[in-house]
Amino acid sequence: MNGAACGCIPGAGAAASQTRDGVGPGAHAVGVDAAIKAANLKHLRRIEGQVRGIAQMIEEDRYCADIIQQAAAVQESLRSVAKNLLRNHLSHCAVAAMSKDGAKRDDMIEELLELVGKVAR
């Protein structure tokens, strides 16, 4: 997949969330690639359906092992989305930040270490 899916472009969307340093989107690099965004949203909608299916299984008192298997599948699907987002963040936002001065580079390294730790769990 090519293109950034993280939306870290100056002024990217009026309702865009703030980064932890309060700068908001645009602390580094490029905009959202429409194809990547669409693919991630499609994947997340599929996950939404899986979660609704799990809720229905619980309501119907289905066999616990079957419910657990479905929950594990949802977790793996979410992990896949997170990996795709991280891959794009590394390819674009991180690359741009790494070409900046030492402070921005150091901030990006810390951010990446934190993100990799979260995705690797």
PDB file of N, CA and C in Angstrom:
ATOM      1  N   MET A   1       0.834  -1.182   0.000  1.00  0.00           N
ATOM      2  CA  MET A   1       0.000   0.000   0.000  1.00  0.00           C
ATOM      3  C   MET A   1       0.877   1.243   0.000  1.00  0.00           C
ATOM      4  N   ASN A   2       0.518   2.181  -0.810  1.00  0.00           N
ATOM      5  CA  ASN A   2       1.257   3.443  -0.850  1.00  0.00           C
ATOM      6  C   ASN A   2       0.364   4.574  -0.380  1.00  0.00           C
ATOM      7  N   GLY A   3       0.975   5.635   0.095  1.00  0.00           N
ATOM      8  CA  GLY A   3       0.222   6.801   0.533  1.00  0.00           C
ATOM      9  C   GLY A   3       0.038   6.801   2.033  1.00  0.00           C
ATOM     10  N   ALA A   4      -0.131   7.959   2.569  1.00  0.00           N
ATOM     11  CA  ALA A   4      -0.302   8.074   4.019  1.00  0.00           C
ATOM     12  C   ALA A   4      -1.761   7.931   4.379  1.00  0.00           C
ATOM     13  N   ALA A   5      -2.019   7.219   5.419  1.00  0.00           N
ATOM     14  CA  ALA A   5      -3.384   7.063   5.898  1.00  0.00           C
ATOM     15  C   ALA A   5      -3.558   7.720   7.252  1.00  0.00           C
ATOM     16  N   CYS A   6      -2.595   8.458   7.685  1.00  0.00           N
ATOM     17  CA  CYS A   6      -2.654   9.017   9.037  1.00  0.00           C
ATOM     18  C   CYS A   6      -3.205  10.435   9.050  1.00  0.00           C
ATOM     19  N   GLY A   7      -3.267  11.105   7.929  1.00  0.00           N
ATOM     20  CA  GLY A   7      -3.834  12.440   7.888  1.00  0.00           C
ATOM     21  C   GLY A   7      -2.986  13.509   8.540  1.00  0.00           C
ATOM     22  N   CYS A   8      -1.678  13.319   8.582  1.00  0.00           N
ATOM     23  CA  CYS A   8      -0.827  14.316   9.247  1.00  0.00           C
ATOM     24  C   CYS A   8      -0.384  15.372   8.239  1.00  0.00           C
ATOM     25  N   ILE A   9      -1.343  16.163   7.821  1.00  0.00           N
ATOM     26  CA  ILE A   9      -1.112  17.265   6.893  1.00  0.00           C
ATOM     27  C   ILE A   9      -1.675  18.535   7.527  1.00  0.00           C
ATOM     28  N   PRO A  10      -1.011  19.668   7.351  1.00  0.00           N
ATOM     29  CA  PRO A  10      -1.545  20.901   7.932  1.00  0.00           C
ATOM     30  C   PRO A  10      -2.979  21.151   7.471  1.00  0.00           C
ATOM     31  N   GLY A  11      -3.860  21.369   8.448  1.00  0.00           N
ATOM     32  CA  GLY A  11      -5.249  21.668   8.135  1.00  0.00           C
ATOM     33  C   GLY A  11      -6.043  20.496   7.617  1.00  0.00           C
ATOM     34  N   ALA A  12      -5.622  19.271   7.890  1.00  0.00           N
ATOM     35  CA  ALA A  12      -6.306  18.084   7.371  1.00  0.00           C
ATOM     36  C   ALA A  12      -7.623  17.862   8.096  1.00  0.00           C
ATOM     37  N   GLY A  13      -8.677  18.434   7.596  1.00  0.00           N
ATOM     38  CA  GLY A  13      -9.997  18.209   8.172  1.00  0.00           C
ATOM     39  C   GLY A  13     -10.263  19.074   9.388  1.00  0.00           C
ATOM     40  N   ALA A  14     -11.404  19.685   9.402  1.00  0.00           N
ATOM     41  CA  ALA A  14     -11.746  20.591  10.498  1.00  0.00           C
ATOM     42  C   ALA A  14     -11.897  19.871  11.822  1.00  0.00           C
ATOM     43  N   ALA A  15     -12.346  18.616  11.784  1.00  0.00           N
ATOM     44  CA  ALA A  15     -12.577  17.877  13.025  1.00  0.00           C
ATOM     45  C   ALA A  15     -11.410  16.971  13.377  1.00  0.00           C
ATOM     46  N   ALA A  16     -10.274  17.166  12.734  1.00  0.00           N
ATOM     47  CA  ALA A  16      -9.123  16.304  12.998  1.00  0.00           C
ATOM     48  C   ALA A  16      -8.677  16.437  14.446  1.00  0.00           C
ATOM     49  N   SER A  17      -8.195  15.327  14.976  1.00  0.00           N
ATOM     50  CA  SER A  17      -7.812  15.323  16.389  1.00  0.00           C
ATOM     51  C   SER A  17      -6.454  15.976  16.611  1.00  0.00           C
ATOM     52  N   GLN A  18      -6.204  16.357  17.838  1.00  0.00           N
ATOM     53  CA  GLN A  18      -4.927  16.962  18.218  1.00  0.00           C
ATOM     54  C   GLN A  18      -3.896  15.872  18.477  1.00  0.00           C
ATOM     55  N   THR A  19      -2.649  16.162  18.176  1.00  0.00           N
ATOM     56  CA  THR A  19      -1.581  15.258  18.571  1.00  0.00           C
ATOM     57  C   THR A  19      -1.311  15.471  20.037  1.00  0.00           C
ATOM     58  N   ARG A  20      -0.511  14.584  20.635  1.00  0.00           N
ATOM     59  CA  ARG A  20      -0.320  14.701  22.076  1.00  0.00           C
ATOM     60  C   ARG A  20       0.437  15.955  22.461  1.00  0.00           C
ATOM     61  N   ASP A  21       1.160  16.591  21.528  1.00  0.00           N
ATOM     62  CA  ASP A  21       1.851  17.831  21.870  1.00  0.00           C
ATOM     63  C   ASP A  21       0.977  19.058  21.622  1.00  0.00           C
ATOM     64  N   GLY A  22      -0.294  18.812  21.212  1.00  0.00           N
ATOM     65  CA  GLY A  22      -1.235  19.903  21.032  1.00  0.00           C
ATOM     66  C   GLY A  22      -1.093  20.641  19.718  1.00  0.00           C
ATOM     67  N   VAL A  23      -0.208  20.192  18.849  1.00  0.00           N
ATOM     68  CA  VAL A  23       0.016  20.868  17.580  1.00  0.00           C
ATOM     69  C   VAL A  23      -1.116  20.577  16.614  1.00  0.00           C
ATOM     70  N   GLY A  24      -1.725  19.410  16.713  1.00  0.00           N
ATOM     71  CA  GLY A  24      -2.772  19.006  15.795  1.00  0.00           C
ATOM     72  C   GLY A  24      -2.165  18.345  14.583  1.00  0.00           C
ATOM     73  N   PRO A  25      -3.009  17.897  13.663  1.00  0.00           N
ATOM     74  CA  PRO A  25      -2.486  17.254  12.474  1.00  0.00           C
ATOM     75  C   PRO A  25      -1.602  18.234  11.721  1.00  0.00           C
ATOM     76  N   GLY A  26      -0.606  17.734  11.086  1.00  0.00           N
ATOM     77  CA  GLY A  26       0.308  18.604  10.377  1.00  0.00           C
ATOM     78  C   GLY A  26       1.615  18.758  11.102  1.00  0.00           C
ATOM     79  N   ALA A  27       1.801  18.016  12.164  1.00  0.00           N
ATOM     80  CA  ALA A  27       3.075  18.053  12.864  1.00  0.00           C
ATOM     81  C   ALA A  27       4.172  17.510  11.954  1.00  0.00           C
ATOM     82  N   HIS A  28       3.786  16.790  10.955  1.00  0.00           N
ATOM     83  CA  HIS A  28       4.717  16.269   9.962  1.00  0.00           C
ATOM     84  C   HIS A  28       3.985  15.914   8.678  1.00  0.00           C
ATOM     85  N   ALA A  29       4.458  15.639   7.718  1.00  0.00           N
ATOM     86  CA  ALA A  29       4.336  15.126   6.367  1.00  0.00           C
ATOM     87  C   ALA A  29       3.123  15.396   5.497  1.00  0.00           C
ATOM     88  N   VAL A  30       2.436  14.360   5.054  1.00  0.00           N
ATOM     89  CA  VAL A  30       1.567  14.413   3.888  1.00  0.00           C
ATOM     90  C   VAL A  30       0.113  14.130   4.213  1.00  0.00           C
ATOM     91  N   GLY A  31      -0.739  14.175   3.190  1.00  0.00           N
ATOM     92  CA  GLY A  31      -2.162  13.961   3.386  1.00  0.00           C
ATOM     93  C   GLY A  31      -2.596  12.516   3.254  1.00  0.00           C
ATOM     94  N   VAL A  32      -3.897  12.312   3.323  1.00  0.00           N
ATOM     95  CA  VAL A  32      -4.481  10.980   3.287  1.00  0.00           C
ATOM     96  C   VAL A  32      -4.670  10.540   1.843  1.00  0.00           C
ATOM     97  N   ASP A  33      -4.158   9.373   1.508  1.00  0.00           N
ATOM     98  CA  ASP A  33      -4.358   8.768   0.197  1.00  0.00           C
ATOM     99  C   ASP A  33      -5.776   8.193   0.170  1.00  0.00           C
ATOM    100  N   ALA A  34      -6.585   8.606  -0.789  1.00  0.00           N
ATOM    101  CA  ALA A  34      -7.996   8.218  -0.834  1.00  0.00           C
ATOM    102  C   ALA A  34      -8.182   6.706  -0.941  1.00  0.00           C
ATOM    103  N   ALA A  35      -7.352   6.027  -1.711  1.00  0.00           N
ATOM    104  CA  ALA A  35      -7.485   4.575  -1.870  1.00  0.00           C
ATOM    105  C   ALA A  35      -7.182   3.843  -0.566  1.00  0.00           C
ATOM    106  N   ILE A  36      -6.165   4.293   0.140  1.00  0.00           N
ATOM    107  CA  ILE A  36      -5.804   3.680   1.413  1.00  0.00           C
ATOM    108  C   ILE A  36      -6.908   3.923   2.436  1.00  0.00           C
ATOM    109  N   LYS A  37      -7.408   5.144   2.463  1.00  0.00           N
ATOM    110  CA  LYS A  37      -8.485   5.480   3.392  1.00  0.00           C
ATOM    111  C   LYS A  37      -9.705   4.603   3.122  1.00  0.00           C
ATOM    112  N   ALA A  38     -10.069   4.458   1.855  1.00  0.00           N
ATOM    113  CA  ALA A  38     -11.226   3.642   1.486  1.00  0.00           C
ATOM    114  C   ALA A  38     -11.025   2.184   1.886  1.00  0.00           C
ATOM    115  N   ALA A  39      -9.832   1.657   1.659  1.00  0.00           N
ATOM    116  CA  ALA A  39      -9.549   0.264   2.019  1.00  0.00           C
ATOM    117  C   ALA A  39      -9.637   0.055   3.528  1.00  0.00           C
ATOM    118  N   ASN A  40      -9.077   0.983   4.290  1.00  0.00           N
ATOM    119  CA  ASN A  40      -9.143   0.862   5.750  1.00  0.00           C
ATOM    120  C   ASN A  40     -10.586   0.965   6.249  1.00  0.00           C
ATOM    121  N   LEU A  41     -11.352   1.889   5.693  1.00  0.00           N
ATOM    122  CA  LEU A  41     -12.750   2.022   6.104  1.00  0.00           C
ATOM    123  C   LEU A  41     -13.556   0.777   5.749  1.00  0.00           C
ATOM    124  N   LYS A  42     -13.296   0.199   4.583  1.00  0.00           N
ATOM    125  CA  LYS A  42     -13.977  -1.035   4.182  1.00  0.00           C
ATOM    126  C   LYS A  42     -13.649  -2.157   5.164  1.00  0.00           C
ATOM    127  N   HIS A  43     -12.380  -2.276   5.515  1.00  0.00           N
ATOM    128  CA  HIS A  43     -11.943  -3.297   6.464  1.00  0.00           C
ATOM    129  C   HIS A  43     -12.609  -3.073   7.828  1.00  0.00           C
ATOM    130  N   LEU A  44     -12.673  -1.827   8.269  1.00  0.00           N
ATOM    131  CA  LEU A  44     -13.295  -1.524   9.560  1.00  0.00           C
ATOM    132  C   LEU A  44     -14.799  -1.800   9.550  1.00  0.00           C
ATOM    133  N   ARG A  45     -15.454  -1.583   8.433  1.00  0.00           N
ATOM    134  CA  ARG A  45     -16.886  -1.896   8.346  1.00  0.00           C
ATOM    135  C   ARG A  45     -17.113  -3.405   8.447  1.00  0.00           C
ATOM    136  N   ARG A  46     -16.213  -4.168   7.850  1.00  0.00           N
ATOM    137  CA  ARG A  46     -16.286  -5.620   7.958  1.00  0.00           C
ATOM    138  C   ARG A  46     -16.115  -6.042   9.421  1.00  0.00           C
ATOM    139  N   ILE A  47     -15.169  -5.414  10.098  1.00  0.00           N
ATOM    140  CA  ILE A  47     -14.938  -5.702  11.518  1.00  0.00           C
ATOM    141  C   ILE A  47     -16.181  -5.351  12.340  1.00  0.00           C
ATOM    142  N   GLU A  48     -16.804  -4.225  12.001  1.00  0.00           N
ATOM    143  CA  GLU A  48     -18.048  -3.826  12.682  1.00  0.00           C
ATOM    144  C   GLU A  48     -19.091  -4.935  12.588  1.00  0.00           C
ATOM    145  N   GLY A  49     -19.228  -5.498  11.409  1.00  0.00           N
ATOM    146  CA  GLY A  49     -20.174  -6.598  11.205  1.00  0.00           C
ATOM    147  C   GLY A  49     -19.803  -7.820  12.030  1.00  0.00           C
ATOM    148  N   GLN A  50     -18.506  -8.107  12.102  1.00  0.00           N
ATOM    149  CA  GLN A  50     -18.058  -9.237  12.914  1.00  0.00           C
ATOM    150  C   GLN A  50     -18.404  -9.019  14.387  1.00  0.00           C
ATOM    151  N   VAL A  51     -18.209  -7.802  14.876  1.00  0.00           N
ATOM    152  CA  VAL A  51     -18.505  -7.499  16.280  1.00  0.00           C
ATOM    153  C   VAL A  51     -20.006  -7.637  16.541  1.00  0.00           C
ATOM    154  N   ARG A  52     -20.827  -7.159  15.620  1.00  0.00           N
ATOM    155  CA  ARG A  52     -22.277  -7.335  15.773  1.00  0.00           C
ATOM    156  C   ARG A  52     -22.633  -8.819  15.801  1.00  0.00           C
ATOM    157  N   GLY A  53     -21.943  -9.602  14.978  1.00  0.00           N
ATOM    158  CA  GLY A  53     -22.169 -11.046  14.968  1.00  0.00           C
ATOM    159  C   GLY A  53     -21.805 -11.691  16.295  1.00  0.00           C
ATOM    160  N   ILE A  54     -20.725 -11.232  16.897  1.00  0.00           N
ATOM    161  CA  ILE A  54     -20.324 -11.751  18.211  1.00  0.00           C
ATOM    162  C   ILE A  54     -21.387 -11.411  19.252  1.00  0.00           C
ATOM    163  N   ALA A  55     -21.889 -10.192  19.224  1.00  0.00           N
ATOM    164  CA  ALA A  55     -22.941  -9.797  20.169  1.00  0.00           C
ATOM    165  C   ALA A  55     -24.170 -10.688  20.005  1.00  0.00           C
ATOM    166  N   GLN A  56     -24.524 -10.968  18.769  1.00  0.00           N
ATOM    167  CA  GLN A  56     -25.672 -11.835  18.509  1.00  0.00           C
ATOM    168  C   GLN A  56     -25.405 -13.249  19.024  1.00  0.00           C
ATOM    169  N   MET A  57     -24.184 -13.735  18.824  1.00  0.00           N
ATOM    170  CA  MET A  57     -23.827 -15.066  19.335  1.00  0.00           C
ATOM    171  C   MET A  57     -23.988 -15.122  20.855  1.00  0.00           C
ATOM    172  N   ILE A  58     -23.577 -14.067  21.534  1.00  0.00           N
ATOM    173  CA  ILE A  58     -23.706 -14.015  22.993  1.00  0.00           C
ATOM    174  C   ILE A  58     -25.181 -13.982  23.388  1.00  0.00           C
ATOM    175  N   GLU A  59     -25.972 -13.156  22.688  1.00  0.00           N
ATOM    176  CA  GLU A  59     -27.410 -13.082  22.978  1.00  0.00           C
ATOM    177  C   GLU A  59     -28.083 -14.437  22.796  1.00  0.00           C
ATOM    178  N   GLU A  60     -27.610 -15.215  21.833  1.00  0.00           N
ATOM    179  CA  GLU A  60     -28.202 -16.522  21.529  1.00  0.00           C
ATOM    180  C   GLU A  60     -27.589 -17.648  22.361  1.00  0.00           C
ATOM    181  N   ASP A  61     -26.741 -17.292  23.320  1.00  0.00           N
ATOM    182  CA  ASP A  61     -26.081 -18.290  24.179  1.00  0.00           C
ATOM    183  C   ASP A  61     -25.344 -19.358  23.375  1.00  0.00           C
ATOM    184  N   ARG A  62     -24.625 -18.915  22.359  1.00  0.00           N
ATOM    185  CA  ARG A  62     -23.851 -19.851  21.540  1.00  0.00           C
ATOM    186  C   ARG A  62     -22.668 -20.387  22.322  1.00  0.00           C
ATOM    187  N   TYR A  63     -22.066 -21.421  21.805  1.00  0.00           N
ATOM    188  CA  TYR A  63     -20.945 -22.109  22.440  1.00  0.00           C
ATOM    189  C   TYR A  63     -19.776 -21.137  22.631  1.00  0.00           C
ATOM    190  N   CYS A  64     -19.267 -21.090  23.865  1.00  0.00           N
ATOM    191  CA  CYS A  64     -18.215 -20.122  24.231  1.00  0.00           C
ATOM    192  C   CYS A  64     -16.996 -20.195  23.318  1.00  0.00           C
ATOM    193  N   ALA A  65     -16.570 -21.400  22.977  1.00  0.00           N
ATOM    194  CA  ALA A  65     -15.378 -21.551  22.133  1.00  0.00           C
ATOM    195  C   ALA A  65     -15.579 -20.894  20.770  1.00  0.00           C
ATOM    196  N   ASP A  66     -16.782 -20.981  20.227  1.00  0.00           N
ATOM    197  CA  ASP A  66     -17.071 -20.341  18.935  1.00  0.00           C
ATOM    198  C   ASP A  66     -17.007 -18.815  19.052  1.00  0.00           C
ATOM    199  N   ILE A  67     -17.526 -18.291  20.158  1.00  0.00           N
ATOM    200  CA  ILE A  67     -17.497 -16.843  20.386  1.00  0.00           C
ATOM    201  C   ILE A  67     -16.058 -16.367  20.544  1.00  0.00           C
ATOM    202  N   ILE A  68     -15.283 -17.114  21.305  1.00  0.00           N
ATOM    203  CA  ILE A  68     -13.874 -16.759  21.513  1.00  0.00           C
ATOM    204  C   ILE A  68     -13.120 -16.768  20.193  1.00  0.00           C
ATOM    205  N   GLN A  69     -13.393 -17.746  19.349  1.00  0.00           N
ATOM    206  CA  GLN A  69     -12.739 -17.819  18.039  1.00  0.00           C
ATOM    207  C   GLN A  69     -13.070 -16.587  17.202  1.00  0.00           C
ATOM    208  N   GLN A  70     -14.324 -16.163  17.222  1.00  0.00           N
ATOM    209  CA  GLN A  70     -14.718 -14.966  16.474  1.00  0.00           C
ATOM    210  C   GLN A  70     -14.073 -13.707  17.052  1.00  0.00           C
ATOM    211  N   ALA A  71     -13.989 -13.630  18.378  1.00  0.00           N
ATOM    212  CA  ALA A  71     -13.348 -12.475  19.015  1.00  0.00           C
ATOM    213  C   ALA A  71     -11.870 -12.405  18.633  1.00  0.00           C
ATOM    214  N   ALA A  72     -11.215 -13.549  18.574  1.00  0.00           N
ATOM    215  CA  ALA A  72      -9.803 -13.581  18.169  1.00  0.00           C
ATOM    216  C   ALA A  72      -9.648 -13.126  16.720  1.00  0.00           C
ATOM    217  N   ALA A  73     -10.590 -13.496  15.870  1.00  0.00           N
ATOM    218  CA  ALA A  73     -10.541 -13.071  14.467  1.00  0.00           C
ATOM    219  C   ALA A  73     -10.682 -11.552  14.357  1.00  0.00           C
ATOM    220  N   VAL A  74     -11.550 -10.967  15.170  1.00  0.00           N
ATOM    221  CA  VAL A  74     -11.722  -9.508  15.175  1.00  0.00           C
ATOM    222  C   VAL A  74     -10.438  -8.830  15.633  1.00  0.00           C
ATOM    223  N   GLN A  75      -9.828  -9.356  16.680  1.00  0.00           N
ATOM    224  CA  GLN A  75      -8.572  -8.780  17.169  1.00  0.00           C
ATOM    225  C   GLN A  75      -7.505  -8.810  16.079  1.00  0.00           C
ATOM    226  N   GLU A  76      -7.411  -9.912  15.355  1.00  0.00           N
ATOM    227  CA  GLU A  76      -6.412 -10.011  14.289  1.00  0.00           C
ATOM    228  C   GLU A  76      -6.720  -9.034  13.159  1.00  0.00           C
ATOM    229  N   SER A  77      -7.990  -8.857  12.842  1.00  0.00           N
ATOM    230  CA  SER A  77      -8.375  -7.898  11.801  1.00  0.00           C
ATOM    231  C   SER A  77      -8.017  -6.472  12.203  1.00  0.00           C
ATOM    232  N   LEU A  78      -8.271  -6.119  13.451  1.00  0.00           N
ATOM    233  CA  LEU A  78      -7.896  -4.785  13.937  1.00  0.00           C
ATOM    234  C   LEU A  78      -6.386  -4.605  13.918  1.00  0.00           C
ATOM    235  N   ARG A  79      -5.664  -5.649  14.280  1.00  0.00           N
ATOM    236  CA  ARG A  79      -4.202  -5.587  14.248  1.00  0.00           C
ATOM    237  C   ARG A  79      -3.715  -5.343  12.811  1.00  0.00           C
ATOM    238  N   SER A  80      -4.385  -5.952  11.854  1.00  0.00           N
ATOM    239  CA  SER A  80      -4.030  -5.762  10.447  1.00  0.00           C
ATOM    240  C   SER A  80      -4.232  -4.309  10.012  1.00  0.00           C
ATOM    241  N   VAL A  81      -5.336  -3.704  10.417  1.00  0.00           N
ATOM    242  CA  VAL A  81      -5.582  -2.291  10.105  1.00  0.00           C
ATOM    243  C   VAL A  81      -4.501  -1.426  10.743  1.00  0.00           C
ATOM    244  N   ALA A  82      -4.187  -1.695  12.001  1.00  0.00           N
ATOM    245  CA  ALA A  82      -3.159  -0.915  12.701  1.00  0.00           C
ATOM    246  C   ALA A  82      -1.804  -1.048  12.015  1.00  0.00           C
ATOM    247  N   LYS A  83      -1.469  -2.241  11.557  1.00  0.00           N
ATOM    248  CA  LYS A  83      -0.191  -2.439  10.858  1.00  0.00           C
ATOM    249  C   LYS A  83      -0.156  -1.651   9.555  1.00  0.00           C
ATOM    250  N   ASN A  84      -1.267  -1.642   8.826  1.00  0.00           N
ATOM    251  CA  ASN A  84      -1.319  -0.862   7.583  1.00  0.00           C
ATOM    252  C   ASN A  84      -1.155   0.627   7.858  1.00  0.00           C
ATOM    253  N   LEU A  85      -1.811   1.116   8.897  1.00  0.00           N
ATOM    254  CA  LEU A  85      -1.669   2.525   9.264  1.00  0.00           C
ATOM    255  C   LEU A  85      -0.238   2.838   9.682  1.00  0.00           C
ATOM    256  N   LEU A  86       0.363   1.952  10.451  1.00  0.00           N
ATOM    257  CA  LEU A  86       1.744   2.152  10.886  1.00  0.00           C
ATOM    258  C   LEU A  86       2.698   2.135   9.691  1.00  0.00           C
ATOM    259  N   ARG A  87       2.487   1.197   8.771  1.00  0.00           N
ATOM    260  CA  ARG A  87       3.330   1.117   7.568  1.00  0.00           C
ATOM    261  C   ARG A  87       3.288   2.437   6.799  1.00  0.00           C
ATOM    262  N   ASN A  88       2.089   2.976   6.632  1.00  0.00           N
ATOM    263  CA  ASN A  88       1.947   4.241   5.911  1.00  0.00           C
ATOM    264  C   ASN A  88       2.543   5.405   6.687  1.00  0.00           C
ATOM    265  N   HIS A  89       2.378   5.394   7.988  1.00  0.00           N
ATOM    266  CA  HIS A  89       2.949   6.448   8.832  1.00  0.00           C
ATOM    267  C   HIS A  89       4.471   6.426   8.722  1.00  0.00           C
ATOM    268  N   LEU A  90       5.041   5.232   8.749  1.00  0.00           N
ATOM    269  CA  LEU A  90       6.495   5.099   8.609  1.00  0.00           C
ATOM    270  C   LEU A  90       6.966   5.580   7.241  1.00  0.00           C
ATOM    271  N   SER A  91       6.228   5.216   6.207  1.00  0.00           N
ATOM    272  CA  SER A  91       6.633   5.533   4.835  1.00  0.00           C
ATOM    273  C   SER A  91       6.565   7.012   4.503  1.00  0.00           C
ATOM    274  N   HIS A  92       5.705   7.734   5.174  1.00  0.00           N
ATOM    275  CA  HIS A  92       5.496   9.125   4.800  1.00  0.00           C
ATOM    276  C   HIS A  92       5.791  10.109   5.927  1.00  0.00           C
ATOM    277  N   CYS A  93       4.994  10.064   6.960  1.00  0.00           N
ATOM    278  CA  CYS A  93       5.141  11.039   8.052  1.00  0.00           C
ATOM    279  C   CYS A  93       6.489  10.900   8.743  1.00  0.00           C
ATOM    280  N   ALA A  94       6.864   9.661   9.026  1.00  0.00           N
ATOM    281  CA  ALA A  94       8.134   9.439   9.726  1.00  0.00           C
ATOM    282  C   ALA A  94       9.318   9.830   8.856  1.00  0.00           C
ATOM    283  N   VAL A  95       9.271   9.475   7.588  1.00  0.00           N
ATOM    284  CA  VAL A  95      10.365   9.824   6.676  1.00  0.00           C
ATOM    285  C   VAL A  95      10.536  11.335   6.615  1.00  0.00           C
ATOM    286  N   ALA A  96       9.423  12.061   6.518  1.00  0.00           N
ATOM    287  CA  ALA A  96       9.499  13.525   6.462  1.00  0.00           C
ATOM    288  C   ALA A  96      10.054  14.095   7.762  1.00  0.00           C
ATOM    289  N   ALA A  97       9.602  13.569   8.897  1.00  0.00           N
ATOM    290  CA  ALA A  97      10.078  14.081  10.184  1.00  0.00           C
ATOM    291  C   ALA A  97      11.553  13.766  10.396  1.00  0.00           C
ATOM    292  N   MET A  98      11.998  12.633   9.897  1.00  0.00           N
ATOM    293  CA  MET A  98      13.398  12.241  10.071  1.00  0.00           C
ATOM    294  C   MET A  98      14.340  13.165   9.300  1.00  0.00           C
ATOM    295  N   SER A  99      13.811  13.833   8.279  1.00  0.00           N
ATOM    296  CA  SER A  99      14.657  14.742   7.508  1.00  0.00           C
ATOM    297  C   SER A  99      14.727  16.135   8.149  1.00  0.00           C
ATOM    298  N   LYS A 100      14.003  16.338   9.246  1.00  0.00           N
ATOM    299  CA  LYS A 100      13.978  17.634   9.937  1.00  0.00           C
ATOM    300  C   LYS A 100      15.118  17.721  10.950  1.00  0.00           C
ATOM    301  N   ASP A 101      15.065  18.771  11.756  1.00  0.00           N
ATOM    302  CA  ASP A 101      16.100  18.983  12.767  1.00  0.00           C
ATOM    303  C   ASP A 101      16.057  17.903  13.851  1.00  0.00           C
ATOM    304  N   GLY A 102      17.026  17.925  14.714  1.00  0.00           N
ATOM    305  CA  GLY A 102      17.187  16.903  15.740  1.00  0.00           C
ATOM    306  C   GLY A 102      15.996  16.722  16.655  1.00  0.00           C
ATOM    307  N   ALA A 103      15.344  17.811  17.065  1.00  0.00           N
ATOM    308  CA  ALA A 103      14.215  17.712  17.993  1.00  0.00           C
ATOM    309  C   ALA A 103      13.038  16.990  17.348  1.00  0.00           C
ATOM    310  N   LYS A 104      12.710  17.344  16.103  1.00  0.00           N
ATOM    311  CA  LYS A 104      11.605  16.681  15.410  1.00  0.00           C
ATOM    312  C   LYS A 104      11.933  15.216  15.169  1.00  0.00           C
ATOM    313  N   ARG A 105      13.162  14.940  14.811  1.00  0.00           N
ATOM    314  CA  ARG A 105      13.598  13.567  14.590  1.00  0.00           C
ATOM    315  C   ARG A 105      13.471  12.765  15.887  1.00  0.00           C
ATOM    316  N   ASP A 106      13.926  13.332  16.993  1.00  0.00           N
ATOM    317  CA  ASP A 106      13.849  12.650  18.286  1.00  0.00           C
ATOM    318  C   ASP A 106      12.397  12.409  18.699  1.00  0.00           C
ATOM    319  N   ASP A 107      11.540  13.404  18.463  1.00  0.00           N
ATOM    320  CA  ASP A 107      10.114  13.241  18.775  1.00  0.00           C
ATOM    321  C   ASP A 107       9.510  12.105  17.959  1.00  0.00           C
ATOM    322  N   MET A 108       9.877  12.042  16.682  1.00  0.00           N
ATOM    323  CA  MET A 108       9.343  10.993  15.819  1.00  0.00           C
ATOM    324  C   MET A 108       9.830   9.624  16.273  1.00  0.00           C
ATOM    325  N   ILE A 109      11.081   9.520  16.648  1.00  0.00           N
ATOM    326  CA  ILE A 109      11.608   8.236  17.126  1.00  0.00           C
ATOM    327  C   ILE A 109      10.819   7.774  18.348  1.00  0.00           C
ATOM    328  N   GLU A 110      10.560   8.680  19.276  1.00  0.00           N
ATOM    329  CA  GLU A 110       9.779   8.331  20.472  1.00  0.00           C
ATOM    330  C   GLU A 110       8.360   7.897  20.091  1.00  0.00           C
ATOM    331  N   GLU A 111       7.750   8.643  19.176  1.00  0.00           N
ATOM    332  CA  GLU A 111       6.402   8.301  18.735  1.00  0.00           C
ATOM    333  C   GLU A 111       6.378   6.919  18.098  1.00  0.00           C
ATOM    334  N   LEU A 112       7.354   6.640  17.236  1.00  0.00           N
ATOM    335  CA  LEU A 112       7.399   5.347  16.557  1.00  0.00           C
ATOM    336  C   LEU A 112       7.611   4.201  17.531  1.00  0.00           C
ATOM    337  N   LEU A 113       8.489   4.387  18.499  1.00  0.00           N
ATOM    338  CA  LEU A 113       8.716   3.343  19.501  1.00  0.00           C
ATOM    339  C   LEU A 113       7.424   3.039  20.259  1.00  0.00           C
ATOM    340  N   GLU A 114       6.703   4.088  20.604  1.00  0.00           N
ATOM    341  CA  GLU A 114       5.434   3.915  21.316  1.00  0.00           C
ATOM    342  C   GLU A 114       4.416   3.180  20.446  1.00  0.00           C
ATOM    343  N   LEU A 115       4.305   3.588  19.181  1.00  0.00           N
ATOM    344  CA  LEU A 115       3.340   2.962  18.274  1.00  0.00           C
ATOM    345  C   LEU A 115       3.675   1.506  17.990  1.00  0.00           C
ATOM    346  N   VAL A 116       4.940   1.221  17.741  1.00  0.00           N
ATOM    347  CA  VAL A 116       5.348  -0.163  17.473  1.00  0.00           C
ATOM    348  C   VAL A 116       5.044  -1.029  18.691  1.00  0.00           C
ATOM    349  N   GLY A 117       5.303  -0.499  19.879  1.00  0.00           N
ATOM    350  CA  GLY A 117       4.984  -1.239  21.095  1.00  0.00           C
ATOM    351  C   GLY A 117       3.503  -1.563  21.204  1.00  0.00           C
ATOM    352  N   LYS A 118       2.656  -0.628  20.818  1.00  0.00           N
ATOM    353  CA  LYS A 118       1.208  -0.850  20.882  1.00  0.00           C
ATOM    354  C   LYS A 118       0.751  -1.874  19.851  1.00  0.00           C
ATOM    355  N   VAL A 119       1.293  -1.787  18.645  1.00  0.00           N
ATOM    356  CA  VAL A 119       0.885  -2.701  17.581  1.00  0.00           C
ATOM    357  C   VAL A 119       1.432  -4.109  17.828  1.00  0.00           C
ATOM    358  N   ALA A 120       2.595  -4.201  18.442  1.00  0.00           N
ATOM    359  CA  ALA A 120       3.248  -5.496  18.655  1.00  0.00           C
ATOM    360  C   ALA A 120       2.619  -6.310  19.789  1.00  0.00           C
ATOM    361  N   ARG A 121       1.797  -5.704  20.613  1.00  0.00           N
ATOM    362  CA  ARG A 121       1.196  -6.438  21.744  1.00  0.00           C
ATOM    363  C   ARG A 121       0.331  -7.568  21.297  1.00  0.00           C
TER     364      ARG A 121
END
